[in-house]
Amino acid sequence: MAEYSSLLSDLSDNITNEDLEQLKSACKEDIPEDQSNNITSSKEWFSYLEKNDKLAQDNLSYIEHIFEISRRPDLLTRVIEYRTIVLKISEDDEIDTKLTRIPSAKKYKGNTVSDIIRQPSEDEIIKLAPPPKKA
């Protein structure tokens, strides 16, 4: 349980107020608007998800999905690491549980943020012609 609390704390530390609004928007079908307006911190958001059976220490698929559609591979990677290391469940395990995630998130496994967001190499940069000279 300590690892799970640590995971939520780590995720909360990396969610800004702007991020929280985006995450709540991604959950609008599962969180009524009046209750969504009352959620003002990521800890409150996680608490709401837990109370409504969308999140538990052995059920991370919902937030994995939300982090993916919200384009937060850094947060998704942290959840995948927790699931793989702490719960000892990896992508390759063919287990039919509520931990089974969306397959498109596999592309983030084992990647750091710098692996996902990187500078293009010299070969990948498109060279533009210089602007025409004025007569």
C-alpha atoms as a PDB file:
ATOM      1  CA  MET A   1       0.000   0.000   0.000  1.00  0.00           C
ATOM      2  CA  ALA A   2       2.919   2.368   0.674  1.00  0.00           C
ATOM      3  CA  GLU A   3       4.056   2.024  -2.950  1.00  0.00           C
ATOM      4  CA  TYR A   4       0.568   2.896  -4.184  1.00  0.00           C
ATOM      5  CA  SER A   5       0.410   5.993  -1.965  1.00  0.00           C
ATOM      6  CA  SER A   6       3.864   6.943  -3.176  1.00  0.00           C
ATOM      7  CA  LEU A   7       2.739   6.553  -6.803  1.00  0.00           C
ATOM      8  CA  LEU A   8      -0.288   8.822  -6.282  1.00  0.00           C
ATOM      9  CA  SER A   9       1.866  11.372  -4.475  1.00  0.00           C
ATOM     10  CA  ASP A  10       4.422  11.328  -7.296  1.00  0.00           C
ATOM     11  CA  LEU A  11       1.700  11.710  -9.921  1.00  0.00           C
ATOM     12  CA  SER A  12       0.089  14.547  -7.952  1.00  0.00           C
ATOM     13  CA  ASP A  13       3.408  16.388  -7.775  1.00  0.00           C
ATOM     14  CA  ASN A  14       3.568  16.317 -11.567  1.00  0.00           C
ATOM     15  CA  ILE A  15       0.016  17.487 -12.301  1.00  0.00           C
ATOM     16  CA  THR A  16      -0.456  21.239 -12.558  1.00  0.00           C
ATOM     17  CA  ASN A  17      -3.828  22.969 -12.206  1.00  0.00           C
ATOM     18  CA  GLU A  18      -3.956  23.273 -15.990  1.00  0.00           C
ATOM     19  CA  ASP A  19      -3.226  19.542 -16.314  1.00  0.00           C
ATOM     20  CA  LEU A  20      -5.962  18.799 -13.782  1.00  0.00           C
ATOM     21  CA  GLU A  21      -8.527  20.650 -15.894  1.00  0.00           C
ATOM     22  CA  GLN A  22      -7.480  18.617 -18.926  1.00  0.00           C
ATOM     23  CA  LEU A  23      -7.690  15.344 -16.965  1.00  0.00           C
ATOM     24  CA  LYS A  24     -11.121  16.241 -15.582  1.00  0.00           C
ATOM     25  CA  SER A  25     -12.258  17.089 -19.100  1.00  0.00           C
ATOM     26  CA  ALA A  26     -11.113  13.644 -20.274  1.00  0.00           C
ATOM     27  CA  CYS A  27     -13.292  12.142 -17.499  1.00  0.00           C
ATOM     28  CA  LYS A  28     -16.383  14.244 -18.152  1.00  0.00           C
ATOM     29  CA  GLU A  29     -18.466  11.165 -18.974  1.00  0.00           C
ATOM     30  CA  ASP A  30     -17.606   9.642 -15.580  1.00  0.00           C
ATOM     31  CA  ILE A  31     -17.594  12.707 -13.333  1.00  0.00           C
ATOM     32  CA  PRO A  32     -20.763  14.838 -13.213  1.00  0.00           C
ATOM     33  CA  GLU A  33     -20.047  18.519 -13.873  1.00  0.00           C
ATOM     34  CA  ASP A  34     -21.155  19.710 -10.419  1.00  0.00           C
ATOM     35  CA  GLN A  35     -18.776  17.237  -8.763  1.00  0.00           C
ATOM     36  CA  SER A  36     -16.008  18.007 -11.248  1.00  0.00           C
ATOM     37  CA  ASN A  37     -16.210  21.692 -10.282  1.00  0.00           C
ATOM     38  CA  ASN A  38     -15.614  20.728  -6.635  1.00  0.00           C
ATOM     39  CA  ILE A  39     -12.374  18.910  -7.502  1.00  0.00           C
ATOM     40  CA  THR A  40      -9.592  21.480  -7.144  1.00  0.00           C
ATOM     41  CA  SER A  41      -6.488  19.332  -6.712  1.00  0.00           C
ATOM     42  CA  SER A  42      -5.069  16.158  -8.186  1.00  0.00           C
ATOM     43  CA  LYS A  43      -5.320  14.471  -4.769  1.00  0.00           C
ATOM     44  CA  GLU A  44      -9.065  15.213  -4.742  1.00  0.00           C
ATOM     45  CA  TRP A  45      -9.303  13.861  -8.294  1.00  0.00           C
ATOM     46  CA  PHE A  46      -7.586  10.597  -7.311  1.00  0.00           C
ATOM     47  CA  SER A  47      -9.798  10.365  -4.211  1.00  0.00           C
ATOM     48  CA  TYR A  48     -12.950  10.804  -6.320  1.00  0.00           C
ATOM     49  CA  LEU A  49     -11.789   8.094  -8.741  1.00  0.00           C
ATOM     50  CA  GLU A  50     -11.102   5.719  -5.839  1.00  0.00           C
ATOM     51  CA  LYS A  51     -14.513   6.351  -4.237  1.00  0.00           C
ATOM     52  CA  ASN A  52     -16.197   5.636  -7.568  1.00  0.00           C
ATOM     53  CA  ASP A  53     -14.276   2.407  -8.277  1.00  0.00           C
ATOM     54  CA  LYS A  54     -12.273   3.906 -11.149  1.00  0.00           C
ATOM     55  CA  LEU A  55      -8.946   3.595  -9.327  1.00  0.00           C
ATOM     56  CA  ALA A  56      -7.415   1.209  -6.811  1.00  0.00           C
ATOM     57  CA  GLN A  57      -3.949  -0.094  -6.051  1.00  0.00           C
ATOM     58  CA  ASP A  58      -4.675  -3.099  -8.277  1.00  0.00           C
ATOM     59  CA  ASN A  59      -6.844  -1.277 -10.824  1.00  0.00           C
ATOM     60  CA  LEU A  60      -4.910   1.318 -12.792  1.00  0.00           C
ATOM     61  CA  SER A  61      -6.367   0.880 -16.263  1.00  0.00           C
ATOM     62  CA  TYR A  62      -8.671   3.908 -16.030  1.00  0.00           C
ATOM     63  CA  ILE A  63      -5.940   6.430 -15.216  1.00  0.00           C
ATOM     64  CA  GLU A  64      -3.632   4.797 -17.758  1.00  0.00           C
ATOM     65  CA  HIS A  65      -6.297   5.437 -20.377  1.00  0.00           C
ATOM     66  CA  ILE A  66      -6.881   9.019 -19.182  1.00  0.00           C
ATOM     67  CA  PHE A  67      -3.152   9.790 -19.196  1.00  0.00           C
ATOM     68  CA  GLU A  68      -2.844   8.419 -22.712  1.00  0.00           C
ATOM     69  CA  ILE A  69      -5.737  10.380 -24.204  1.00  0.00           C
ATOM     70  CA  SER A  70      -4.549  13.486 -22.327  1.00  0.00           C
ATOM     71  CA  ARG A  71      -1.134  13.061 -23.951  1.00  0.00           C
ATOM     72  CA  ARG A  72       0.799  12.670 -20.722  1.00  0.00           C
ATOM     73  CA  PRO A  73       3.249   9.857 -21.511  1.00  0.00           C
ATOM     74  CA  ASP A  74       5.386  10.886 -18.536  1.00  0.00           C
ATOM     75  CA  LEU A  75       2.547  10.078 -16.109  1.00  0.00           C
ATOM     76  CA  LEU A  76       1.561   6.974 -18.040  1.00  0.00           C
ATOM     77  CA  THR A  77       5.140   5.700 -17.849  1.00  0.00           C
ATOM     78  CA  ARG A  78       5.149   6.093 -14.046  1.00  0.00           C
ATOM     79  CA  VAL A  79       1.943   4.049 -13.760  1.00  0.00           C
ATOM     80  CA  ILE A  80       3.321   1.348 -16.074  1.00  0.00           C
ATOM     81  CA  GLU A  81       6.520   1.153 -14.016  1.00  0.00           C
ATOM     82  CA  TYR A  82       4.463   0.762 -10.810  1.00  0.00           C
ATOM     83  CA  ARG A  83       2.327  -1.953 -12.375  1.00  0.00           C
ATOM     84  CA  THR A  84       5.333  -3.808 -13.759  1.00  0.00           C
ATOM     85  CA  ILE A  85       7.653  -3.526 -10.745  1.00  0.00           C
ATOM     86  CA  VAL A  86       5.313  -3.438  -7.740  1.00  0.00           C
ATOM     87  CA  LEU A  87       2.406  -5.538  -9.004  1.00  0.00           C
ATOM     88  CA  LYS A  88       4.708  -7.683 -11.165  1.00  0.00           C
ATOM     89  CA  ILE A  89       2.304  -7.562 -14.102  1.00  0.00           C
ATOM     90  CA  SER A  90       3.784  -6.739 -17.482  1.00  0.00           C
ATOM     91  CA  GLU A  91       2.441  -6.229 -20.982  1.00  0.00           C
ATOM     92  CA  ASP A  92       3.563  -9.718 -21.925  1.00  0.00           C
ATOM     93  CA  ASP A  93       1.574 -11.437 -19.186  1.00  0.00           C
ATOM     94  CA  GLU A  94      -1.529 -12.876 -20.732  1.00  0.00           C
ATOM     95  CA  ILE A  95      -3.779 -12.320 -17.772  1.00  0.00           C
ATOM     96  CA  ASP A  96      -7.377 -11.361 -18.156  1.00  0.00           C
ATOM     97  CA  THR A  97      -7.727  -8.908 -15.275  1.00  0.00           C
ATOM     98  CA  LYS A  98      -8.939  -5.395 -14.757  1.00  0.00           C
ATOM     99  CA  LEU A  99      -5.293  -4.358 -15.102  1.00  0.00           C
ATOM    100  CA  THR A 100      -5.294  -5.072 -18.817  1.00  0.00           C
ATOM    101  CA  ARG A 101      -4.632  -1.786 -20.502  1.00  0.00           C
ATOM    102  CA  ILE A 102      -5.197  -0.310 -23.868  1.00  0.00           C
ATOM    103  CA  PRO A 103      -2.658  -1.773 -26.304  1.00  0.00           C
ATOM    104  CA  SER A 104      -1.548   1.557 -27.756  1.00  0.00           C
ATOM    105  CA  ALA A 105       0.127   2.445 -24.447  1.00  0.00           C
ATOM    106  CA  LYS A 106       2.740  -0.274 -25.086  1.00  0.00           C
ATOM    107  CA  LYS A 107       4.751   2.210 -27.105  1.00  0.00           C
ATOM    108  CA  TYR A 108       5.573   4.086 -23.881  1.00  0.00           C
ATOM    109  CA  LYS A 109       6.861   1.118 -21.882  1.00  0.00           C
ATOM    110  CA  GLY A 110      10.464   1.532 -20.799  1.00  0.00           C
ATOM    111  CA  ASN A 111      10.749   4.986 -22.298  1.00  0.00           C
ATOM    112  CA  THR A 112      11.768   8.057 -20.397  1.00  0.00           C
ATOM    113  CA  VAL A 113      10.360  11.452 -21.252  1.00  0.00           C
ATOM    114  CA  SER A 114      13.600  12.297 -23.079  1.00  0.00           C
ATOM    115  CA  ASP A 115      13.142   9.165 -25.231  1.00  0.00           C
ATOM    116  CA  ILE A 116       9.641  10.222 -26.206  1.00  0.00           C
ATOM    117  CA  ILE A 117      10.277  13.950 -26.654  1.00  0.00           C
ATOM    118  CA  ARG A 118      13.609  14.454 -28.340  1.00  0.00           C
ATOM    119  CA  GLN A 119      15.431  16.756 -30.686  1.00  0.00           C
ATOM    120  CA  PRO A 120      15.467  15.605 -34.320  1.00  0.00           C
ATOM    121  CA  SER A 121      18.776  14.423 -35.715  1.00  0.00           C
ATOM    122  CA  GLU A 122      20.565  16.318 -38.479  1.00  0.00           C
ATOM    123  CA  ASP A 123      19.207  13.797 -41.010  1.00  0.00           C
ATOM    124  CA  GLU A 124      15.631  14.464 -39.893  1.00  0.00           C
ATOM    125  CA  ILE A 125      15.813  18.244 -40.170  1.00  0.00           C
ATOM    126  CA  ILE A 126      14.420  19.666 -43.385  1.00  0.00           C
ATOM    127  CA  LYS A 127      16.738  22.224 -44.911  1.00  0.00           C
ATOM    128  CA  LEU A 128      14.994  25.260 -46.345  1.00  0.00           C
ATOM    129  CA  ALA A 129      16.326  27.315 -49.191  1.00  0.00           C
ATOM    130  CA  PRO A 130      17.425  30.833 -48.251  1.00  0.00           C
ATOM    131  CA  PRO A 131      14.866  33.566 -48.929  1.00  0.00           C
ATOM    132  CA  PRO A 132      15.101  35.242 -52.330  1.00  0.00           C
ATOM    133  CA  LYS A 133      17.270  38.340 -52.536  1.00  0.00           C
ATOM    134  CA  LYS A 134      15.558  41.658 -53.093  1.00  0.00           C
ATOM    135  CA  ALA A 135      16.345  43.311 -56.436  1.00  0.00           C
END
